[in-house]
Amino acid sequence: MKDSVLRTKSFAFAIRIVKMAQWLQTEKKEFVLSKQLLKSGTAIGALVSEAIFAQSRPDFISKMNISLKEAHETLYWIELLTATGIVSEEMTKTLHSECDELVAILVSTIKTTKINS
């Protein structure tokens, strides 16, 4: 799991989220939504990293489920930022796509782990 696609993609996504939050705060002077985006968007990878050292399969599944919830929350903040016109759809298109991909990988990981339990 240490070098997994999920860990690599969630880390790269977190970097993009940090940069987006910095941009929102400096250029748009948007602090509330940017903090929400930052918290949920970086939590995805943090939880995946925690899962590497899960104490059991149920613990692993639990961490992955929480990561999935954080990914869905991140999608919400991205959609809200776009819908309110704070950022353009063009700016968030790839972020949204990457987050959708993380959701799909997380769902697959959770299902596979449950089946193999």
PDB file of N, CA and C in Angstrom:
ATOM      1  N   MET A   1       0.831  -1.201   0.000  1.00  0.00           N
ATOM      2  CA  MET A   1       0.000   0.000   0.000  1.00  0.00           C
ATOM      3  C   MET A   1       0.873   1.261   0.000  1.00  0.00           C
ATOM      4  N   LYS A   2       2.089   1.165   0.508  1.00  0.00           N
ATOM      5  CA  LYS A   2       2.940   2.336   0.649  1.00  0.00           C
ATOM      6  C   LYS A   2       3.108   3.095  -0.671  1.00  0.00           C
ATOM      7  N   ASP A   3       3.286   2.370  -1.776  1.00  0.00           N
ATOM      8  CA  ASP A   3       3.479   2.992  -3.082  1.00  0.00           C
ATOM      9  C   ASP A   3       2.253   2.824  -3.966  1.00  0.00           C
ATOM     10  N   SER A   4       1.084   2.768  -3.369  1.00  0.00           N
ATOM     11  CA  SER A   4      -0.133   2.506  -4.126  1.00  0.00           C
ATOM     12  C   SER A   4      -0.535   3.702  -4.981  1.00  0.00           C
ATOM     13  N   VAL A   5      -1.307   3.400  -5.993  1.00  0.00           N
ATOM     14  CA  VAL A   5      -1.856   4.431  -6.871  1.00  0.00           C
ATOM     15  C   VAL A   5      -2.711   5.396  -6.049  1.00  0.00           C
ATOM     16  N   LEU A   6      -3.496   4.858  -5.132  1.00  0.00           N
ATOM     17  CA  LEU A   6      -4.369   5.689  -4.303  1.00  0.00           C
ATOM     18  C   LEU A   6      -3.556   6.663  -3.448  1.00  0.00           C
ATOM     19  N   ARG A   7      -2.509   6.186  -2.845  1.00  0.00           N
ATOM     20  CA  ARG A   7      -1.670   7.059  -2.003  1.00  0.00           C
ATOM     21  C   ARG A   7      -1.009   8.139  -2.865  1.00  0.00           C
ATOM     22  N   THR A   8      -0.463   7.743  -4.001  1.00  0.00           N
ATOM     23  CA  THR A   8       0.205   8.688  -4.902  1.00  0.00           C
ATOM     24  C   THR A   8      -0.773   9.744  -5.416  1.00  0.00           C
ATOM     25  N   LYS A   9      -1.941   9.310  -5.871  1.00  0.00           N
ATOM     26  CA  LYS A   9      -2.926  10.241  -6.424  1.00  0.00           C
ATOM     27  C   LYS A   9      -3.514  11.158  -5.345  1.00  0.00           C
ATOM     28  N   SER A  10      -3.749  10.612  -4.159  1.00  0.00           N
ATOM     29  CA  SER A  10      -4.323  11.447  -3.099  1.00  0.00           C
ATOM     30  C   SER A  10      -3.311  12.483  -2.608  1.00  0.00           C
ATOM     31  N   PHE A  11      -2.030  12.135  -2.616  1.00  0.00           N
ATOM     32  CA  PHE A  11      -0.989  13.089  -2.234  1.00  0.00           C
ATOM     33  C   PHE A  11      -0.878  14.204  -3.276  1.00  0.00           C
ATOM     34  N   ALA A  12      -0.859  13.833  -4.547  1.00  0.00           N
ATOM     35  CA  ALA A  12      -0.788  14.824  -5.624  1.00  0.00           C
ATOM     36  C   ALA A  12      -2.018  15.736  -5.591  1.00  0.00           C
ATOM     37  N   PHE A  13      -3.173  15.156  -5.297  1.00  0.00           N
ATOM     38  CA  PHE A  13      -4.408  15.930  -5.200  1.00  0.00           C
ATOM     39  C   PHE A  13      -4.310  16.922  -4.042  1.00  0.00           C
ATOM     40  N   ALA A  14      -3.780  16.485  -2.911  1.00  0.00           N
ATOM     41  CA  ALA A  14      -3.627  17.359  -1.747  1.00  0.00           C
ATOM     42  C   ALA A  14      -2.741  18.559  -2.074  1.00  0.00           C
ATOM     43  N   ILE A  15      -1.690  18.326  -2.839  1.00  0.00           N
ATOM     44  CA  ILE A  15      -0.813  19.433  -3.249  1.00  0.00           C
ATOM     45  C   ILE A  15      -1.604  20.454  -4.062  1.00  0.00           C
ATOM     46  N   ARG A  16      -2.416  19.980  -4.995  1.00  0.00           N
ATOM     47  CA  ARG A  16      -3.230  20.891  -5.823  1.00  0.00           C
ATOM     48  C   ARG A  16      -4.258  21.641  -4.981  1.00  0.00           C
ATOM     49  N   ILE A  17      -4.798  20.960  -3.980  1.00  0.00           N
ATOM     50  CA  ILE A  17      -5.774  21.594  -3.087  1.00  0.00           C
ATOM     51  C   ILE A  17      -5.101  22.698  -2.269  1.00  0.00           C
ATOM     52  N   VAL A  18      -3.903  22.427  -1.765  1.00  0.00           N
ATOM     53  CA  VAL A  18      -3.169  23.434  -0.997  1.00  0.00           C
ATOM     54  C   VAL A  18      -2.920  24.669  -1.865  1.00  0.00           C
ATOM     55  N   LYS A  19      -2.495  24.439  -3.090  1.00  0.00           N
ATOM     56  CA  LYS A  19      -2.230  25.560  -4.003  1.00  0.00           C
ATOM     57  C   LYS A  19      -3.514  26.326  -4.335  1.00  0.00           C
ATOM     58  N   MET A  20      -4.615  25.610  -4.519  1.00  0.00           N
ATOM     59  CA  MET A  20      -5.897  26.262  -4.789  1.00  0.00           C
ATOM     60  C   MET A  20      -6.322  27.103  -3.584  1.00  0.00           C
ATOM     61  N   ALA A  21      -6.181  26.571  -2.390  1.00  0.00           N
ATOM     62  CA  ALA A  21      -6.555  27.300  -1.185  1.00  0.00           C
ATOM     63  C   ALA A  21      -5.689  28.556  -1.024  1.00  0.00           C
ATOM     64  N   GLN A  22      -4.409  28.424  -1.288  1.00  0.00           N
ATOM     65  CA  GLN A  22      -3.516  29.588  -1.216  1.00  0.00           C
ATOM     66  C   GLN A  22      -3.961  30.656  -2.220  1.00  0.00           C
ATOM     67  N   TRP A  23      -4.276  30.233  -3.435  1.00  0.00           N
ATOM     68  CA  TRP A  23      -4.726  31.155  -4.472  1.00  0.00           C
ATOM     69  C   TRP A  23      -6.030  31.841  -4.059  1.00  0.00           C
ATOM     70  N   LEU A  24      -6.965  31.052  -3.538  1.00  0.00           N
ATOM     71  CA  LEU A  24      -8.240  31.621  -3.109  1.00  0.00           C
ATOM     72  C   LEU A  24      -8.044  32.669  -2.022  1.00  0.00           C
ATOM     73  N   GLN A  25      -7.126  32.408  -1.113  1.00  0.00           N
ATOM     74  CA  GLN A  25      -6.898  33.352  -0.010  1.00  0.00           C
ATOM     75  C   GLN A  25      -6.160  34.602  -0.462  1.00  0.00           C
ATOM     76  N   THR A  26      -5.170  34.451  -1.336  1.00  0.00           N
ATOM     77  CA  THR A  26      -4.392  35.627  -1.752  1.00  0.00           C
ATOM     78  C   THR A  26      -5.071  36.425  -2.859  1.00  0.00           C
ATOM     79  N   GLU A  27      -5.598  35.737  -3.848  1.00  0.00           N
ATOM     80  CA  GLU A  27      -6.178  36.435  -5.006  1.00  0.00           C
ATOM     81  C   GLU A  27      -7.647  36.812  -4.830  1.00  0.00           C
ATOM     82  N   LYS A  28      -8.412  35.935  -4.232  1.00  0.00           N
ATOM     83  CA  LYS A  28      -9.853  36.165  -4.101  1.00  0.00           C
ATOM     84  C   LYS A  28     -10.255  36.651  -2.708  1.00  0.00           C
ATOM     85  N   LYS A  29      -9.316  36.619  -1.772  1.00  0.00           N
ATOM     86  CA  LYS A  29      -9.588  36.995  -0.373  1.00  0.00           C
ATOM     87  C   LYS A  29     -10.760  36.188   0.184  1.00  0.00           C
ATOM     88  N   GLU A  30     -10.776  34.926  -0.191  1.00  0.00           N
ATOM     89  CA  GLU A  30     -11.829  34.005   0.246  1.00  0.00           C
ATOM     90  C   GLU A  30     -11.210  33.066   1.283  1.00  0.00           C
ATOM     91  N   PHE A  31     -11.655  33.207   2.542  1.00  0.00           N
ATOM     92  CA  PHE A  31     -11.001  32.470   3.621  1.00  0.00           C
ATOM     93  C   PHE A  31     -11.840  31.324   4.187  1.00  0.00           C
ATOM     94  N   VAL A  32     -13.135  31.459   4.213  1.00  0.00           N
ATOM     95  CA  VAL A  32     -13.979  30.435   4.832  1.00  0.00           C
ATOM     96  C   VAL A  32     -14.064  29.181   3.961  1.00  0.00           C
ATOM     97  N   LEU A  33     -14.489  29.346   2.721  1.00  0.00           N
ATOM     98  CA  LEU A  33     -14.627  28.191   1.837  1.00  0.00           C
ATOM     99  C   LEU A  33     -13.267  27.574   1.513  1.00  0.00           C
ATOM    100  N   SER A  34     -12.251  28.416   1.395  1.00  0.00           N
ATOM    101  CA  SER A  34     -10.915  27.884   1.091  1.00  0.00           C
ATOM    102  C   SER A  34     -10.407  26.996   2.225  1.00  0.00           C
ATOM    103  N   LYS A  35     -10.727  27.372   3.465  1.00  0.00           N
ATOM    104  CA  LYS A  35     -10.312  26.530   4.606  1.00  0.00           C
ATOM    105  C   LYS A  35     -11.052  25.206   4.602  1.00  0.00           C
ATOM    106  N   GLN A  36     -12.327  25.250   4.267  1.00  0.00           N
ATOM    107  CA  GLN A  36     -13.117  24.017   4.204  1.00  0.00           C
ATOM    108  C   GLN A  36     -12.559  23.089   3.122  1.00  0.00           C
ATOM    109  N   LEU A  37     -12.274  23.681   1.968  1.00  0.00           N
ATOM    110  CA  LEU A  37     -11.698  22.917   0.862  1.00  0.00           C
ATOM    111  C   LEU A  37     -10.346  22.324   1.274  1.00  0.00           C
ATOM    112  N   LEU A  38      -9.532  23.123   1.933  1.00  0.00           N
ATOM    113  CA  LEU A  38      -8.213  22.682   2.373  1.00  0.00           C
ATOM    114  C   LEU A  38      -8.314  21.512   3.356  1.00  0.00           C
ATOM    115  N   LYS A  39      -9.218  21.627   4.310  1.00  0.00           N
ATOM    116  CA  LYS A  39      -9.370  20.565   5.324  1.00  0.00           C
ATOM    117  C   LYS A  39      -9.812  19.243   4.706  1.00  0.00           C
ATOM    118  N   SER A  40     -10.884  19.295   3.926  1.00  0.00           N
ATOM    119  CA  SER A  40     -11.406  18.041   3.373  1.00  0.00           C
ATOM    120  C   SER A  40     -10.503  17.486   2.274  1.00  0.00           C
ATOM    121  N   GLY A  41      -9.953  18.369   1.450  1.00  0.00           N
ATOM    122  CA  GLY A  41      -9.130  17.922   0.324  1.00  0.00           C
ATOM    123  C   GLY A  41      -7.810  17.292   0.738  1.00  0.00           C
ATOM    124  N   THR A  42      -7.243  17.760   1.845  1.00  0.00           N
ATOM    125  CA  THR A  42      -5.991  17.161   2.328  1.00  0.00           C
ATOM    126  C   THR A  42      -6.247  15.970   3.246  1.00  0.00           C
ATOM    127  N   ALA A  43      -7.431  15.905   3.818  1.00  0.00           N
ATOM    128  CA  ALA A  43      -7.768  14.778   4.705  1.00  0.00           C
ATOM    129  C   ALA A  43      -7.848  13.455   3.942  1.00  0.00           C
ATOM    130  N   ILE A  44      -8.206  13.520   2.672  1.00  0.00           N
ATOM    131  CA  ILE A  44      -8.327  12.299   1.865  1.00  0.00           C
ATOM    132  C   ILE A  44      -7.022  11.507   1.921  1.00  0.00           C
ATOM    133  N   GLY A  45      -5.938  12.139   1.542  1.00  0.00           N
ATOM    134  CA  GLY A  45      -4.637  11.474   1.536  1.00  0.00           C
ATOM    135  C   GLY A  45      -4.121  11.147   2.919  1.00  0.00           C
ATOM    136  N   ALA A  46      -4.410  12.006   3.887  1.00  0.00           N
ATOM    137  CA  ALA A  46      -3.970  11.742   5.258  1.00  0.00           C
ATOM    138  C   ALA A  46      -4.609  10.457   5.784  1.00  0.00           C
ATOM    139  N   LEU A  47      -5.877  10.275   5.491  1.00  0.00           N
ATOM    140  CA  LEU A  47      -6.573   9.060   5.932  1.00  0.00           C
ATOM    141  C   LEU A  47      -6.084   7.820   5.190  1.00  0.00           C
ATOM    142  N   VAL A  48      -5.784   7.981   3.918  1.00  0.00           N
ATOM    143  CA  VAL A  48      -5.212   6.862   3.152  1.00  0.00           C
ATOM    144  C   VAL A  48      -3.873   6.469   3.765  1.00  0.00           C
ATOM    145  N   SER A  49      -3.060   7.453   4.117  1.00  0.00           N
ATOM    146  CA  SER A  49      -1.765   7.174   4.741  1.00  0.00           C
ATOM    147  C   SER A  49      -1.938   6.497   6.101  1.00  0.00           C
ATOM    148  N   GLU A  50      -2.922   6.946   6.858  1.00  0.00           N
ATOM    149  CA  GLU A  50      -3.219   6.302   8.137  1.00  0.00           C
ATOM    150  C   GLU A  50      -3.616   4.844   7.938  1.00  0.00           C
ATOM    151  N   ALA A  51      -4.377   4.590   6.905  1.00  0.00           N
ATOM    152  CA  ALA A  51      -4.876   3.237   6.644  1.00  0.00           C
ATOM    153  C   ALA A  51      -3.737   2.249   6.402  1.00  0.00           C
ATOM    154  N   ILE A  52      -2.611   2.745   5.924  1.00  0.00           N
ATOM    155  CA  ILE A  52      -1.458   1.873   5.688  1.00  0.00           C
ATOM    156  C   ILE A  52      -1.073   1.142   6.968  1.00  0.00           C
ATOM    157  N   PHE A  53      -1.243   1.825   8.095  1.00  0.00           N
ATOM    158  CA  PHE A  53      -0.878   1.241   9.379  1.00  0.00           C
ATOM    159  C   PHE A  53      -2.101   0.866  10.215  1.00  0.00           C
ATOM    160  N   ALA A  54      -3.186   0.559   9.536  1.00  0.00           N
ATOM    161  CA  ALA A  54      -4.403   0.153  10.241  1.00  0.00           C
ATOM    162  C   ALA A  54      -4.123  -1.072  11.102  1.00  0.00           C
ATOM    163  N   GLN A  55      -4.806  -1.147  12.217  1.00  0.00           N
ATOM    164  CA  GLN A  55      -4.600  -2.242  13.158  1.00  0.00           C
ATOM    165  C   GLN A  55      -5.314  -3.527  12.738  1.00  0.00           C
ATOM    166  N   SER A  56      -6.283  -3.378  11.862  1.00  0.00           N
ATOM    167  CA  SER A  56      -7.056  -4.536  11.418  1.00  0.00           C
ATOM    168  C   SER A  56      -7.762  -4.181  10.114  1.00  0.00           C
ATOM    169  N   ARG A  57      -8.371  -5.203   9.493  1.00  0.00           N
ATOM    170  CA  ARG A  57      -9.162  -4.946   8.282  1.00  0.00           C
ATOM    171  C   ARG A  57     -10.324  -3.991   8.551  1.00  0.00           C
ATOM    172  N   PRO A  58     -11.069  -4.194   9.643  1.00  0.00           N
ATOM    173  CA  PRO A  58     -12.153  -3.237   9.921  1.00  0.00           C
ATOM    174  C   PRO A  58     -11.639  -1.803  10.127  1.00  0.00           C
ATOM    175  N   ASP A  59     -10.476  -1.662  10.745  1.00  0.00           N
ATOM    176  CA  ASP A  59      -9.875  -0.342  10.932  1.00  0.00           C
ATOM    177  C   ASP A  59      -9.499   0.255   9.575  1.00  0.00           C
ATOM    178  N   PHE A  60      -8.930  -0.564   8.692  1.00  0.00           N
ATOM    179  CA  PHE A  60      -8.572  -0.130   7.347  1.00  0.00           C
ATOM    180  C   PHE A  60      -9.811   0.345   6.589  1.00  0.00           C
ATOM    181  N   ILE A  61     -10.865  -0.452   6.638  1.00  0.00           N
ATOM    182  CA  ILE A  61     -12.116  -0.114   5.949  1.00  0.00           C
ATOM    183  C   ILE A  61     -12.701   1.173   6.516  1.00  0.00           C
ATOM    184  N   SER A  62     -12.642   1.327   7.823  1.00  0.00           N
ATOM    185  CA  SER A  62     -13.154   2.530   8.470  1.00  0.00           C
ATOM    186  C   SER A  62     -12.416   3.772   7.989  1.00  0.00           C
ATOM    187  N   LYS A  63     -11.101   3.719   7.933  1.00  0.00           N
ATOM    188  CA  LYS A  63     -10.311   4.860   7.478  1.00  0.00           C
ATOM    189  C   LYS A  63     -10.588   5.172   6.009  1.00  0.00           C
ATOM    190  N   MET A  64     -10.744   4.136   5.214  1.00  0.00           N
ATOM    191  CA  MET A  64     -11.059   4.342   3.800  1.00  0.00           C
ATOM    192  C   MET A  64     -12.450   4.957   3.630  1.00  0.00           C
ATOM    193  N   ASN A  65     -13.399   4.527   4.459  1.00  0.00           N
ATOM    194  CA  ASN A  65     -14.749   5.104   4.403  1.00  0.00           C
ATOM    195  C   ASN A  65     -14.740   6.577   4.795  1.00  0.00           C
ATOM    196  N   ILE A  66     -13.960   6.925   5.803  1.00  0.00           N
ATOM    197  CA  ILE A  66     -13.866   8.329   6.202  1.00  0.00           C
ATOM    198  C   ILE A  66     -13.199   9.132   5.092  1.00  0.00           C
ATOM    199  N   SER A  67     -12.180   8.557   4.461  1.00  0.00           N
ATOM    200  CA  SER A  67     -11.526   9.219   3.334  1.00  0.00           C
ATOM    201  C   SER A  67     -12.523   9.452   2.201  1.00  0.00           C
ATOM    202  N   LEU A  68     -13.375   8.486   1.953  1.00  0.00           N
ATOM    203  CA  LEU A  68     -14.412   8.617   0.930  1.00  0.00           C
ATOM    204  C   LEU A  68     -15.371   9.762   1.270  1.00  0.00           C
ATOM    205  N   LYS A  69     -15.752   9.859   2.537  1.00  0.00           N
ATOM    206  CA  LYS A  69     -16.620  10.962   2.967  1.00  0.00           C
ATOM    207  C   LYS A  69     -15.938  12.305   2.732  1.00  0.00           C
ATOM    208  N   GLU A  70     -14.654  12.378   3.041  1.00  0.00           N
ATOM    209  CA  GLU A  70     -13.901  13.618   2.835  1.00  0.00           C
ATOM    210  C   GLU A  70     -13.832  13.962   1.338  1.00  0.00           C
ATOM    211  N   ALA A  71     -13.700  12.951   0.507  1.00  0.00           N
ATOM    212  CA  ALA A  71     -13.669  13.184  -0.949  1.00  0.00           C
ATOM    213  C   ALA A  71     -15.010  13.752  -1.428  1.00  0.00           C
ATOM    214  N   HIS A  72     -16.098  13.204  -0.917  1.00  0.00           N
ATOM    215  CA  HIS A  72     -17.421  13.720  -1.291  1.00  0.00           C
ATOM    216  C   HIS A  72     -17.605  15.149  -0.788  1.00  0.00           C
ATOM    217  N   GLU A  73     -17.105  15.428   0.413  1.00  0.00           N
ATOM    218  CA  GLU A  73     -17.192  16.796   0.937  1.00  0.00           C
ATOM    219  C   GLU A  73     -16.365  17.750   0.064  1.00  0.00           C
ATOM    220  N   THR A  74     -15.206  17.297  -0.363  1.00  0.00           N
ATOM    221  CA  THR A  74     -14.355  18.118  -1.222  1.00  0.00           C
ATOM    222  C   THR A  74     -15.068  18.445  -2.528  1.00  0.00           C
ATOM    223  N   LEU A  75     -15.741  17.467  -3.097  1.00  0.00           N
ATOM    224  CA  LEU A  75     -16.524  17.720  -4.313  1.00  0.00           C
ATOM    225  C   LEU A  75     -17.577  18.791  -4.065  1.00  0.00           C
ATOM    226  N   TYR A  76     -18.193  18.732  -2.912  1.00  0.00           N
ATOM    227  CA  TYR A  76     -19.198  19.739  -2.556  1.00  0.00           C
ATOM    228  C   TYR A  76     -18.596  21.141  -2.562  1.00  0.00           C
ATOM    229  N   TRP A  77     -17.440  21.297  -1.913  1.00  0.00           N
ATOM    230  CA  TRP A  77     -16.815  22.625  -1.844  1.00  0.00           C
ATOM    231  C   TRP A  77     -16.380  23.105  -3.223  1.00  0.00           C
ATOM    232  N   ILE A  78     -15.870  22.198  -4.026  1.00  0.00           N
ATOM    233  CA  ILE A  78     -15.477  22.572  -5.400  1.00  0.00           C
ATOM    234  C   ILE A  78     -16.705  23.042  -6.177  1.00  0.00           C
ATOM    235  N   GLU A  79     -17.799  22.307  -6.067  1.00  0.00           N
ATOM    236  CA  GLU A  79     -19.031  22.671  -6.770  1.00  0.00           C
ATOM    237  C   GLU A  79     -19.594  23.986  -6.255  1.00  0.00           C
ATOM    238  N   LEU A  80     -19.519  24.214  -4.950  1.00  0.00           N
ATOM    239  CA  LEU A  80     -20.024  25.453  -4.371  1.00  0.00           C
ATOM    240  C   LEU A  80     -19.187  26.655  -4.828  1.00  0.00           C
ATOM    241  N   LEU A  81     -17.875  26.496  -4.830  1.00  0.00           N
ATOM    242  CA  LEU A  81     -16.998  27.571  -5.300  1.00  0.00           C
ATOM    243  C   LEU A  81     -17.292  27.929  -6.758  1.00  0.00           C
ATOM    244  N   THR A  82     -17.602  26.915  -7.547  1.00  0.00           N
ATOM    245  CA  THR A  82     -17.921  27.138  -8.960  1.00  0.00           C
ATOM    246  C   THR A  82     -19.306  27.761  -9.116  1.00  0.00           C
ATOM    247  N   ALA A  83     -20.282  27.218  -8.413  1.00  0.00           N
ATOM    248  CA  ALA A  83     -21.667  27.697  -8.535  1.00  0.00           C
ATOM    249  C   ALA A  83     -21.827  29.140  -8.069  1.00  0.00           C
ATOM    250  N   THR A  84     -21.006  29.567  -7.134  1.00  0.00           N
ATOM    251  CA  THR A  84     -21.103  30.937  -6.632  1.00  0.00           C
ATOM    252  C   THR A  84     -20.285  31.916  -7.463  1.00  0.00           C
ATOM    253  N   GLY A  85     -19.551  31.401  -8.440  1.00  0.00           N
ATOM    254  CA  GLY A  85     -18.764  32.264  -9.304  1.00  0.00           C
ATOM    255  C   GLY A  85     -17.434  32.709  -8.708  1.00  0.00           C
ATOM    256  N   ILE A  86     -17.059  32.142  -7.582  1.00  0.00           N
ATOM    257  CA  ILE A  86     -15.780  32.504  -6.965  1.00  0.00           C
ATOM    258  C   ILE A  86     -14.633  32.012  -7.851  1.00  0.00           C
ATOM    259  N   VAL A  87     -14.833  30.848  -8.434  1.00  0.00           N
ATOM    260  CA  VAL A  87     -13.876  30.321  -9.414  1.00  0.00           C
ATOM    261  C   VAL A  87     -14.646  29.858 -10.639  1.00  0.00           C
ATOM    262  N   SER A  88     -13.965  29.827 -11.761  1.00  0.00           N
ATOM    263  CA  SER A  88     -14.625  29.394 -12.991  1.00  0.00           C
ATOM    264  C   SER A  88     -14.657  27.869 -13.061  1.00  0.00           C
ATOM    265  N   GLU A  89     -15.587  27.374 -13.827  1.00  0.00           N
ATOM    266  CA  GLU A  89     -15.687  25.933 -14.025  1.00  0.00           C
ATOM    267  C   GLU A  89     -14.409  25.394 -14.670  1.00  0.00           C
ATOM    268  N   GLU A  90     -13.825  26.195 -15.531  1.00  0.00           N
ATOM    269  CA  GLU A  90     -12.571  25.809 -16.193  1.00  0.00           C
ATOM    270  C   GLU A  90     -11.460  25.571 -15.167  1.00  0.00           C
ATOM    271  N   MET A  91     -11.427  26.406 -14.127  1.00  0.00           N
ATOM    272  CA  MET A  91     -10.391  26.283 -13.094  1.00  0.00           C
ATOM    273  C   MET A  91     -10.551  25.019 -12.261  1.00  0.00           C
ATOM    274  N   THR A  92     -11.786  24.606 -12.049  1.00  0.00           N
ATOM    275  CA  THR A  92     -12.022  23.469 -11.160  1.00  0.00           C
ATOM    276  C   THR A  92     -12.263  22.157 -11.904  1.00  0.00           C
ATOM    277  N   LYS A  93     -12.297  22.219 -13.215  1.00  0.00           N
ATOM    278  CA  LYS A  93     -12.610  21.030 -14.019  1.00  0.00           C
ATOM    279  C   LYS A  93     -11.681  19.853 -13.695  1.00  0.00           C
ATOM    280  N   THR A  94     -10.375  20.073 -13.720  1.00  0.00           N
ATOM    281  CA  THR A  94      -9.441  18.966 -13.466  1.00  0.00           C
ATOM    282  C   THR A  94      -9.456  18.548 -11.997  1.00  0.00           C
ATOM    283  N   LEU A  95      -9.626  19.519 -11.080  1.00  0.00           N
ATOM    284  CA  LEU A  95      -9.729  19.166  -9.657  1.00  0.00           C
ATOM    285  C   LEU A  95     -10.929  18.255  -9.427  1.00  0.00           C
ATOM    286  N   HIS A  96     -12.044  18.639 -10.024  1.00  0.00           N
ATOM    287  CA  HIS A  96     -13.268  17.846  -9.895  1.00  0.00           C
ATOM    288  C   HIS A  96     -13.053  16.440 -10.460  1.00  0.00           C
ATOM    289  N   SER A  97     -12.438  16.370 -11.619  1.00  0.00           N
ATOM    290  CA  SER A  97     -12.169  15.096 -12.265  1.00  0.00           C
ATOM    291  C   SER A  97     -11.242  14.214 -11.411  1.00  0.00           C
ATOM    292  N   GLU A  98     -10.195  14.816 -10.857  1.00  0.00           N
ATOM    293  CA  GLU A  98      -9.272  14.065 -10.004  1.00  0.00           C
ATOM    294  C   GLU A  98      -9.968  13.559  -8.749  1.00  0.00           C
ATOM    295  N   CYS A  99     -10.832  14.375  -8.195  1.00  0.00           N
ATOM    296  CA  CYS A  99     -11.557  13.965  -6.995  1.00  0.00           C
ATOM    297  C   CYS A  99     -12.538  12.834  -7.322  1.00  0.00           C
ATOM    298  N   ASP A 100     -13.203  12.934  -8.464  1.00  0.00           N
ATOM    299  CA  ASP A 100     -14.076  11.839  -8.915  1.00  0.00           C
ATOM    300  C   ASP A 100     -13.291  10.537  -9.039  1.00  0.00           C
ATOM    301  N   GLU A 101     -12.088  10.638  -9.567  1.00  0.00           N
ATOM    302  CA  GLU A 101     -11.238   9.455  -9.720  1.00  0.00           C
ATOM    303  C   GLU A 101     -10.858   8.877  -8.356  1.00  0.00           C
ATOM    304  N   LEU A 102     -10.547   9.739  -7.392  1.00  0.00           N
ATOM    305  CA  LEU A 102     -10.238   9.271  -6.039  1.00  0.00           C
ATOM    306  C   LEU A 102     -11.443   8.568  -5.422  1.00  0.00           C
ATOM    307  N   VAL A 103     -12.625   9.124  -5.635  1.00  0.00           N
ATOM    308  CA  VAL A 103     -13.850   8.493  -5.133  1.00  0.00           C
ATOM    309  C   VAL A 103     -13.985   7.088  -5.711  1.00  0.00           C
ATOM    310  N   ALA A 104     -13.785   6.950  -7.003  1.00  0.00           N
ATOM    311  CA  ALA A 104     -13.914   5.639  -7.657  1.00  0.00           C
ATOM    312  C   ALA A 104     -12.889   4.643  -7.099  1.00  0.00           C
ATOM    313  N   ILE A 105     -11.669   5.085  -6.904  1.00  0.00           N
ATOM    314  CA  ILE A 105     -10.629   4.196  -6.375  1.00  0.00           C
ATOM    315  C   ILE A 105     -10.949   3.808  -4.928  1.00  0.00           C
ATOM    316  N   LEU A 106     -11.404   4.770  -4.139  1.00  0.00           N
ATOM    317  CA  LEU A 106     -11.763   4.479  -2.748  1.00  0.00           C
ATOM    318  C   LEU A 106     -12.913   3.481  -2.664  1.00  0.00           C
ATOM    319  N   VAL A 107     -13.941   3.692  -3.473  1.00  0.00           N
ATOM    320  CA  VAL A 107     -15.083   2.769  -3.489  1.00  0.00           C
ATOM    321  C   VAL A 107     -14.613   1.365  -3.857  1.00  0.00           C
ATOM    322  N   SER A 108     -13.792   1.265  -4.878  1.00  0.00           N
ATOM    323  CA  SER A 108     -13.273  -0.026  -5.316  1.00  0.00           C
ATOM    324  C   SER A 108     -12.428  -0.683  -4.221  1.00  0.00           C
ATOM    325  N   THR A 109     -11.597   0.096  -3.576  1.00  0.00           N
ATOM    326  CA  THR A 109     -10.743  -0.423  -2.499  1.00  0.00           C
ATOM    327  C   THR A 109     -11.585  -0.948  -1.345  1.00  0.00           C
ATOM    328  N   ILE A 110     -12.594  -0.195  -0.967  1.00  0.00           N
ATOM    329  CA  ILE A 110     -13.469  -0.604   0.135  1.00  0.00           C
ATOM    330  C   ILE A 110     -14.210  -1.887  -0.226  1.00  0.00           C
ATOM    331  N   LYS A 111     -14.779  -1.944  -1.433  1.00  0.00           N
ATOM    332  CA  LYS A 111     -15.511  -3.148  -1.860  1.00  0.00           C
ATOM    333  C   LYS A 111     -14.599  -4.354  -1.902  1.00  0.00           C
ATOM    334  N   THR A 112     -13.429  -4.203  -2.477  1.00  0.00           N
ATOM    335  CA  THR A 112     -12.475  -5.312  -2.592  1.00  0.00           C
ATOM    336  C   THR A 112     -12.044  -5.818  -1.213  1.00  0.00           C
ATOM    337  N   THR A 113     -11.790  -4.889  -0.319  1.00  0.00           N
ATOM    338  CA  THR A 113     -11.369  -5.279   1.038  1.00  0.00           C
ATOM    339  C   THR A 113     -12.487  -6.007   1.759  1.00  0.00           C
ATOM    340  N   LYS A 114     -13.720  -5.538   1.590  1.00  0.00           N
ATOM    341  CA  LYS A 114     -14.860  -6.206   2.239  1.00  0.00           C
ATOM    342  C   LYS A 114     -15.060  -7.613   1.680  1.00  0.00           C
ATOM    343  N   ILE A 115     -14.909  -7.765   0.374  1.00  0.00           N
ATOM    344  CA  ILE A 115     -15.096  -9.069  -0.264  1.00  0.00           C
ATOM    345  C   ILE A 115     -14.025 -10.054   0.217  1.00  0.00           C
ATOM    346  N   ASN A 116     -12.826  -9.572   0.375  1.00  0.00           N
ATOM    347  CA  ASN A 116     -11.707 -10.432   0.765  1.00  0.00           C
ATOM    348  C   ASN A 116     -11.570 -10.605   2.272  1.00  0.00           C
ATOM    349  N   SER A 117     -12.543 -10.103   3.020  1.00  0.00           N
ATOM    350  CA  SER A 117     -12.484 -10.228   4.496  1.00  0.00           C
ATOM    351  C   SER A 117     -12.919 -11.596   4.950  1.00  0.00           C
TER     352      SER A 117
END
